[in-house]
Amino acid sequence: SPLPHSEIPSIPPSDIEPFLTHSFIAGPDGLSKAA
């Protein structure tokens, strides 16, 4: 049985990992209503 999350990724995770959670593009109003 495969280990959890051991499936083959689409592209090298190290290239995009910081951009999956650590950067993003908000709408023109930005995070004006965020905490």
All heavy atoms as atom14 arrays in JSON, in Angstrom:
{
  "sequence": "SPLPHSEIPSIPPSDIEPFLTHSFIAGPDGLSKAA",
  "atom14_mask": [
    [1, 1, 1, 1, 1, 1, 0, 0, 0, 0, 0, 0, 0, 0],
    [1, 1, 1, 1, 1, 1, 1, 0, 0, 0, 0, 0, 0, 0],
    [1, 1, 1, 1, 1, 1, 1, 1, 0, 0, 0, 0, 0, 0],
    [1, 1, 1, 1, 1, 1, 1, 0, 0, 0, 0, 0, 0, 0],
    [1, 1, 1, 1, 1, 1, 1, 1, 1, 1, 0, 0, 0, 0],
    [1, 1, 1, 1, 1, 1, 0, 0, 0, 0, 0, 0, 0, 0],
    [1, 1, 1, 1, 1, 1, 1, 1, 1, 0, 0, 0, 0, 0],
    [1, 1, 1, 1, 1, 1, 1, 1, 0, 0, 0, 0, 0, 0],
    [1, 1, 1, 1, 1, 1, 1, 0, 0, 0, 0, 0, 0, 0],
    [1, 1, 1, 1, 1, 1, 0, 0, 0, 0, 0, 0, 0, 0],
    [1, 1, 1, 1, 1, 1, 1, 1, 0, 0, 0, 0, 0, 0],
    [1, 1, 1, 1, 1, 1, 1, 0, 0, 0, 0, 0, 0, 0],
    [1, 1, 1, 1, 1, 1, 1, 0, 0, 0, 0, 0, 0, 0],
    [1, 1, 1, 1, 1, 1, 0, 0, 0, 0, 0, 0, 0, 0],
    [1, 1, 1, 1, 1, 1, 1, 1, 0, 0, 0, 0, 0, 0],
    [1, 1, 1, 1, 1, 1, 1, 1, 0, 0, 0, 0, 0, 0],
    [1, 1, 1, 1, 1, 1, 1, 1, 1, 0, 0, 0, 0, 0],
    [1, 1, 1, 1, 1, 1, 1, 0, 0, 0, 0, 0, 0, 0],
    [1, 1, 1, 1, 1, 1, 1, 1, 1, 1, 1, 0, 0, 0],
    [1, 1, 1, 1, 1, 1, 1, 1, 0, 0, 0, 0, 0, 0],
    [1, 1, 1, 1, 1, 1, 1, 0, 0, 0, 0, 0, 0, 0],
    [1, 1, 1, 1, 1, 1, 1, 1, 1, 1, 0, 0, 0, 0],
    [1, 1, 1, 1, 1, 1, 0, 0, 0, 0, 0, 0, 0, 0],
    [1, 1, 1, 1, 1, 1, 1, 1, 1, 1, 1, 0, 0, 0],
    [1, 1, 1, 1, 1, 1, 1, 1, 0, 0, 0, 0, 0, 0],
    [1, 1, 1, 1, 1, 0, 0, 0, 0, 0, 0, 0, 0, 0],
    [1, 1, 1, 1, 0, 0, 0, 0, 0, 0, 0, 0, 0, 0],
    [1, 1, 1, 1, 1, 1, 1, 0, 0, 0, 0, 0, 0, 0],
    [1, 1, 1, 1, 1, 1, 1, 1, 0, 0, 0, 0, 0, 0],
    [1, 1, 1, 1, 0, 0, 0, 0, 0, 0, 0, 0, 0, 0],
    [1, 1, 1, 1, 1, 1, 1, 1, 0, 0, 0, 0, 0, 0],
    [1, 1, 1, 1, 1, 1, 0, 0, 0, 0, 0, 0, 0, 0],
    [1, 1, 1, 1, 1, 1, 1, 1, 1, 0, 0, 0, 0, 0],
    [1, 1, 1, 1, 1, 0, 0, 0, 0, 0, 0, 0, 0, 0],
    [1, 1, 1, 1, 1, 0, 0, 0, 0, 0, 0, 0, 0, 0]
  ],
  "atom14_positions": [
    [[0.84, -1.19, 0.0], [0.0, 0.0, 0.0], [0.87, 1.24, 0.0], [1.83, 1.33, 0.77], [-0.9, 0.02, 1.24], [-1.75, -1.1, 1.23], [0.0, 0.0, 0.0], [0.0, 0.0, 0.0], [0.0, 0.0, 0.0], [0.0, 0.0, 0.0], [0.0, 0.0, 0.0], [0.0, 0.0, 0.0], [0.0, 0.0, 0.0], [0.0, 0.0, 0.0]],
    [[0.55, 2.22, -0.86], [1.38, 3.43, -0.9], [1.25, 4.22, 0.39], [0.2, 4.23, 1.02], [0.78, 4.19, -2.09], [-0.62, 3.69, -2.22], [-0.56, 2.25, -1.81], [0.0, 0.0, 0.0], [0.0, 0.0, 0.0], [0.0, 0.0, 0.0], [0.0, 0.0, 0.0], [0.0, 0.0, 0.0], [0.0, 0.0, 0.0], [0.0, 0.0, 0.0]],
    [[2.32, 4.84, 0.77], [2.28, 5.7, 1.94], [1.44, 6.93, 1.62], [1.36, 7.36, 0.48], [3.7, 6.13, 2.31], [4.63, 5.02, 2.8], [6.04, 5.58, 2.96], [4.13, 4.43, 4.11], [0.0, 0.0, 0.0], [0.0, 0.0, 0.0], [0.0, 0.0, 0.0], [0.0, 0.0, 0.0], [0.0, 0.0, 0.0], [0.0, 0.0, 0.0]],
    [[0.8, 7.54, 2.61], [0.03, 8.75, 2.36], [0.89, 9.83, 1.71], [2.01, 10.07, 2.13], [-0.43, 9.17, 3.77], [-0.37, 7.9, 4.57], [0.76, 7.11, 4.0], [0.0, 0.0, 0.0], [0.0, 0.0, 0.0], [0.0, 0.0, 0.0], [0.0, 0.0, 0.0], [0.0, 0.0, 0.0], [0.0, 0.0, 0.0], [0.0, 0.0, 0.0]],
    [[0.34, 10.46, 0.68], [0.99, 11.59, 0.0], [2.3, 11.2, -0.69], [3.17, 12.03, -0.86], [1.24, 12.75, 0.97], [0.06, 13.07, 1.84], [-1.16, 13.42, 1.32], [-0.09, 13.06, 3.18], [-2.02, 13.63, 2.31], [-1.41, 13.41, 3.44], [0.0, 0.0, 0.0], [0.0, 0.0, 0.0], [0.0, 0.0, 0.0], [0.0, 0.0, 0.0]],
    [[2.43, 9.91, -1.05], [3.65, 9.5, -1.73], [3.47, 9.43, -3.25], [4.37, 8.99, -3.95], [4.11, 8.13, -1.21], [3.16, 7.13, -1.52], [0.0, 0.0, 0.0], [0.0, 0.0, 0.0], [0.0, 0.0, 0.0], [0.0, 0.0, 0.0], [0.0, 0.0, 0.0], [0.0, 0.0, 0.0], [0.0, 0.0, 0.0], [0.0, 0.0, 0.0]],
    [[2.29, 9.83, -3.73], [2.06, 9.77, -5.16], [2.98, 10.73, -5.91], [3.49, 11.7, -5.34], [0.59, 10.08, -5.5], [0.12, 11.46, -5.11], [-0.42, 11.53, -3.71], [-0.4, 10.5, -3.02], [-0.85, 12.62, -3.3], [0.0, 0.0, 0.0], [0.0, 0.0, 0.0], [0.0, 0.0, 0.0], [0.0, 0.0, 0.0], [0.0, 0.0, 0.0]],
    [[3.18, 10.44, -7.18], [4.1, 11.24, -7.98], [3.48, 12.62, -8.24], [2.34, 12.72, -8.7], [4.36, 10.53, -9.32], [5.07, 9.2, -9.08], [5.2, 11.4, -10.25], [6.39, 9.31, -8.36], [0.0, 0.0, 0.0], [0.0, 0.0, 0.0], [0.0, 0.0, 0.0], [0.0, 0.0, 0.0], [0.0, 0.0, 0.0], [0.0, 0.0, 0.0]],
    [[4.19, 13.71, -7.94], [3.64, 15.06, -8.18], [3.71, 15.43, -9.65], [4.39, 14.78, -10.45], [4.56, 15.96, -7.35], [5.87, 15.24, -7.37], [5.53, 13.76, -7.34], [0.0, 0.0, 0.0], [0.0, 0.0, 0.0], [0.0, 0.0, 0.0], [0.0, 0.0, 0.0], [0.0, 0.0, 0.0], [0.0, 0.0, 0.0], [0.0, 0.0, 0.0]],
    [[2.99, 16.49, -10.01], [2.96, 16.94, -11.41], [4.29, 17.56, -11.82], [4.83, 17.26, -12.88], [1.84, 17.96, -11.59], [0.62, 17.43, -11.18], [0.0, 0.0, 0.0], [0.0, 0.0, 0.0], [0.0, 0.0, 0.0], [0.0, 0.0, 0.0], [0.0, 0.0, 0.0], [0.0, 0.0, 0.0], [0.0, 0.0, 0.0], [0.0, 0.0, 0.0]],
    [[4.78, 18.46, -11.01], [6.04, 19.15, -11.25], [6.8, 19.21, -9.94], [6.22, 18.96, -8.88], [5.8, 20.58, -11.82], [4.76, 21.32, -10.98], [5.39, 20.53, -13.27], [4.46, 22.72, -11.48], [0.0, 0.0, 0.0], [0.0, 0.0, 0.0], [0.0, 0.0, 0.0], [0.0, 0.0, 0.0], [0.0, 0.0, 0.0], [0.0, 0.0, 0.0]],
    [[8.1, 19.52, -9.95], [8.87, 19.5, -8.69], [8.24, 20.38, -7.61], [8.11, 21.59, -7.79], [10.23, 20.05, -9.12], [10.34, 19.71, -10.57], [8.94, 19.83, -11.11], [0.0, 0.0, 0.0], [0.0, 0.0, 0.0], [0.0, 0.0, 0.0], [0.0, 0.0, 0.0], [0.0, 0.0, 0.0], [0.0, 0.0, 0.0], [0.0, 0.0, 0.0]],
    [[7.82, 19.8, -6.49], [7.16, 20.59, -5.44], [8.03, 21.73, -4.92], [7.51, 22.78, -4.54], [6.89, 19.56, -4.34], [6.96, 18.23, -5.02], [7.95, 18.39, -6.13], [0.0, 0.0, 0.0], [0.0, 0.0, 0.0], [0.0, 0.0, 0.0], [0.0, 0.0, 0.0], [0.0, 0.0, 0.0], [0.0, 0.0, 0.0], [0.0, 0.0, 0.0]],
    [[9.35, 21.52, -4.88], [10.23, 22.55, -4.33], [10.18, 23.84, -5.14], [10.46, 24.92, -4.62], [11.67, 22.04, -4.29], [12.11, 21.66, -5.58], [0.0, 0.0, 0.0], [0.0, 0.0, 0.0], [0.0, 0.0, 0.0], [0.0, 0.0, 0.0], [0.0, 0.0, 0.0], [0.0, 0.0, 0.0], [0.0, 0.0, 0.0], [0.0, 0.0, 0.0]],
    [[9.8, 23.73, -6.42], [9.75, 24.92, -7.28], [8.55, 25.81, -6.98], [8.58, 27.01, -7.23], [9.71, 24.52, -8.75], [11.03, 23.92, -9.23], [12.05, 24.15, -8.55], [11.04, 23.23, -10.26], [0.0, 0.0, 0.0], [0.0, 0.0, 0.0], [0.0, 0.0, 0.0], [0.0, 0.0, 0.0], [0.0, 0.0, 0.0], [0.0, 0.0, 0.0]],
    [[7.48, 25.21, -6.48], [6.24, 25.96, -6.34], [5.7, 26.01, -4.92], [4.78, 26.77, -4.64], [5.14, 25.39, -7.26], [4.8, 23.95, -6.85], [5.56, 25.45, -8.72], [3.59, 23.38, -7.57], [0.0, 0.0, 0.0], [0.0, 0.0, 0.0], [0.0, 0.0, 0.0], [0.0, 0.0, 0.0], [0.0, 0.0, 0.0], [0.0, 0.0, 0.0]],
    [[6.27, 25.22, -4.02], [5.72, 25.1, -2.67], [5.5, 26.45, -1.98], [4.43, 26.68, -1.41], [6.62, 24.2, -1.83], [5.92, 23.68, -0.59], [6.72, 22.55, 0.05], [7.94, 22.45, -0.18], [6.1, 21.78, 0.79], [0.0, 0.0, 0.0], [0.0, 0.0, 0.0], [0.0, 0.0, 0.0], [0.0, 0.0, 0.0], [0.0, 0.0, 0.0]],
    [[6.47, 27.36, -2.02], [6.24, 28.65, -1.35], [5.06, 29.43, -1.93], [4.48, 30.27, -1.24], [7.56, 29.4, -1.58], [8.56, 28.34, -1.85], [7.82, 27.28, -2.59], [0.0, 0.0, 0.0], [0.0, 0.0, 0.0], [0.0, 0.0, 0.0], [0.0, 0.0, 0.0], [0.0, 0.0, 0.0], [0.0, 0.0, 0.0], [0.0, 0.0, 0.0]],
    [[4.71, 29.15, -3.18], [3.64, 29.92, -3.83], [2.28, 29.27, -3.65], [1.28, 29.83, -4.08], [3.95, 30.07, -5.33], [5.21, 30.84, -5.59], [6.43, 30.2, -5.65], [5.18, 32.22, -5.74], [7.6, 30.9, -5.88], [6.34, 32.93, -5.96], [7.55, 32.27, -6.02], [0.0, 0.0, 0.0], [0.0, 0.0, 0.0], [0.0, 0.0, 0.0]],
    [[2.24, 28.09, -3.03], [0.96, 27.44, -2.8], [0.26, 28.01, -1.58], [-0.96, 28.04, -1.49], [1.16, 25.93, -2.64], [1.68, 25.21, -3.88], [1.95, 23.75, -3.56], [0.69, 25.33, -5.03], [0.0, 0.0, 0.0], [0.0, 0.0, 0.0], [0.0, 0.0, 0.0], [0.0, 0.0, 0.0], [0.0, 0.0, 0.0], [0.0, 0.0, 0.0]],
    [[1.02, 28.46, -0.6], [0.42, 29.01, 0.62], [1.04, 30.35, 1.02], [0.42, 31.12, 1.74], [0.59, 28.03, 1.79], [1.98, 27.74, 1.96], [-0.17, 26.74, 1.54], [0.0, 0.0, 0.0], [0.0, 0.0, 0.0], [0.0, 0.0, 0.0], [0.0, 0.0, 0.0], [0.0, 0.0, 0.0], [0.0, 0.0, 0.0], [0.0, 0.0, 0.0]],
    [[2.24, 30.65, 0.58], [2.97, 31.8, 1.1], [2.91, 33.04, 0.22], [3.51, 34.05, 0.55], [4.44, 31.43, 1.35], [4.59, 30.48, 2.5], [5.8, 29.96, 2.87], [3.68, 29.95, 3.35], [5.62, 29.15, 3.91], [4.35, 29.14, 4.22], [0.0, 0.0, 0.0], [0.0, 0.0, 0.0], [0.0, 0.0, 0.0], [0.0, 0.0, 0.0]],
    [[2.25, 32.95, -0.91], [2.04, 34.13, -1.75], [0.7, 33.96, -2.44], [0.29, 32.84, -2.74], [3.14, 34.26, -2.81], [4.38, 34.54, -2.23], [0.0, 0.0, 0.0], [0.0, 0.0, 0.0], [0.0, 0.0, 0.0], [0.0, 0.0, 0.0], [0.0, 0.0, 0.0], [0.0, 0.0, 0.0], [0.0, 0.0, 0.0], [0.0, 0.0, 0.0]],
    [[0.02, 35.04, -2.67], [-1.24, 34.95, -3.4], [-1.6, 36.32, -3.95], [-1.03, 37.35, -3.56], [-2.36, 34.41, -2.51], [-2.8, 35.34, -1.41], [-3.87, 36.19, -1.59], [-2.13, 35.36, -0.2], [-4.27, 37.06, -0.58], [-2.51, 36.21, 0.82], [-3.59, 37.07, 0.62], [0.0, 0.0, 0.0], [0.0, 0.0, 0.0], [0.0, 0.0, 0.0]],
    [[-2.54, 36.32, -4.87], [-3.01, 37.56, -5.5], [-4.46, 37.77, -5.09], [-5.35, 36.99, -5.46], [-2.88, 37.49, -7.03], [-1.41, 37.28, -7.41], [-3.41, 38.77, -7.67], [-1.18, 37.01, -8.88], [0.0, 0.0, 0.0], [0.0, 0.0, 0.0], [0.0, 0.0, 0.0], [0.0, 0.0, 0.0], [0.0, 0.0, 0.0], [0.0, 0.0, 0.0]],
    [[-4.7, 38.8, -4.3], [-6.06, 39.15, -3.9], [-6.67, 40.05, -4.97], [-5.97, 40.54, -5.87], [-6.04, 39.85, -2.55], [0.0, 0.0, 0.0], [0.0, 0.0, 0.0], [0.0, 0.0, 0.0], [0.0, 0.0, 0.0], [0.0, 0.0, 0.0], [0.0, 0.0, 0.0], [0.0, 0.0, 0.0], [0.0, 0.0, 0.0], [0.0, 0.0, 0.0]],
    [[-7.97, 40.26, -4.89], [-8.65, 41.14, -5.85], [-8.21, 42.59, -5.68], [-7.38, 42.92, -4.82], [0.0, 0.0, 0.0], [0.0, 0.0, 0.0], [0.0, 0.0, 0.0], [0.0, 0.0, 0.0], [0.0, 0.0, 0.0], [0.0, 0.0, 0.0], [0.0, 0.0, 0.0], [0.0, 0.0, 0.0], [0.0, 0.0, 0.0], [0.0, 0.0, 0.0]],
    [[-8.75, 43.47, -6.51], [-8.35, 44.9, -6.44], [-8.51, 45.52, -5.06], [-7.79, 46.44, -4.71], [-9.27, 45.55, -7.47], [-9.58, 44.47, -8.45], [-9.68, 43.22, -7.63], [0.0, 0.0, 0.0], [0.0, 0.0, 0.0], [0.0, 0.0, 0.0], [0.0, 0.0, 0.0], [0.0, 0.0, 0.0], [0.0, 0.0, 0.0], [0.0, 0.0, 0.0]],
    [[-9.46, 45.0, -4.25], [-9.67, 45.55, -2.9], [-8.68, 44.98, -1.89], [-8.64, 45.43, -0.74], [-11.1, 45.26, -2.44], [-12.13, 46.01, -3.26], [-11.78, 47.08, -3.81], [-13.27, 45.53, -3.37], [0.0, 0.0, 0.0], [0.0, 0.0, 0.0], [0.0, 0.0, 0.0], [0.0, 0.0, 0.0], [0.0, 0.0, 0.0], [0.0, 0.0, 0.0]],
    [[-7.88, 43.99, -2.31], [-6.88, 43.41, -1.42], [-7.49, 42.74, -0.21], [-8.57, 42.14, -0.28], [0.0, 0.0, 0.0], [0.0, 0.0, 0.0], [0.0, 0.0, 0.0], [0.0, 0.0, 0.0], [0.0, 0.0, 0.0], [0.0, 0.0, 0.0], [0.0, 0.0, 0.0], [0.0, 0.0, 0.0], [0.0, 0.0, 0.0], [0.0, 0.0, 0.0]],
    [[-6.81, 42.85, 0.92], [-7.28, 42.25, 2.17], [-7.83, 43.33, 3.1], [-7.6, 43.3, 4.32], [-6.13, 41.51, 2.86], [-5.56, 40.31, 2.12], [-4.41, 39.68, 2.91], [-6.65, 39.26, 1.85], [0.0, 0.0, 0.0], [0.0, 0.0, 0.0], [0.0, 0.0, 0.0], [0.0, 0.0, 0.0], [0.0, 0.0, 0.0], [0.0, 0.0, 0.0]],
    [[-8.58, 44.24, 2.54], [-9.09, 45.36, 3.34], [-10.03, 44.91, 4.45], [-10.2, 45.59, 5.46], [-9.82, 46.36, 2.43], [-10.89, 45.72, 1.73], [0.0, 0.0, 0.0], [0.0, 0.0, 0.0], [0.0, 0.0, 0.0], [0.0, 0.0, 0.0], [0.0, 0.0, 0.0], [0.0, 0.0, 0.0], [0.0, 0.0, 0.0], [0.0, 0.0, 0.0]],
    [[-10.65, 43.73, 4.29], [-11.59, 43.24, 5.3], [-11.02, 42.1, 6.12], [-11.73, 41.46, 6.89], [-12.9, 42.8, 4.62], [-13.62, 43.94, 3.9], [-14.9, 43.46, 3.26], [-15.61, 44.6, 2.55], [-16.86, 44.14, 1.89], [0.0, 0.0, 0.0], [0.0, 0.0, 0.0], [0.0, 0.0, 0.0], [0.0, 0.0, 0.0], [0.0, 0.0, 0.0]],
    [[-9.73, 41.82, 5.95], [-9.11, 40.71, 6.67], [-8.75, 41.11, 8.1], [-8.75, 42.29, 8.45], [-7.85, 40.25, 5.92], [0.0, 0.0, 0.0], [0.0, 0.0, 0.0], [0.0, 0.0, 0.0], [0.0, 0.0, 0.0], [0.0, 0.0, 0.0], [0.0, 0.0, 0.0], [0.0, 0.0, 0.0], [0.0, 0.0, 0.0], [0.0, 0.0, 0.0]],
    [[-8.44, 40.1, 8.92], [-7.97, 40.37, 10.28], [-6.68, 41.19, 10.23], [-5.9, 41.1, 9.28], [-7.73, 39.05, 11.01], [0.0, 0.0, 0.0], [0.0, 0.0, 0.0], [0.0, 0.0, 0.0], [0.0, 0.0, 0.0], [0.0, 0.0, 0.0], [0.0, 0.0, 0.0], [0.0, 0.0, 0.0], [0.0, 0.0, 0.0], [0.0, 0.0, 0.0]]
  ]
}
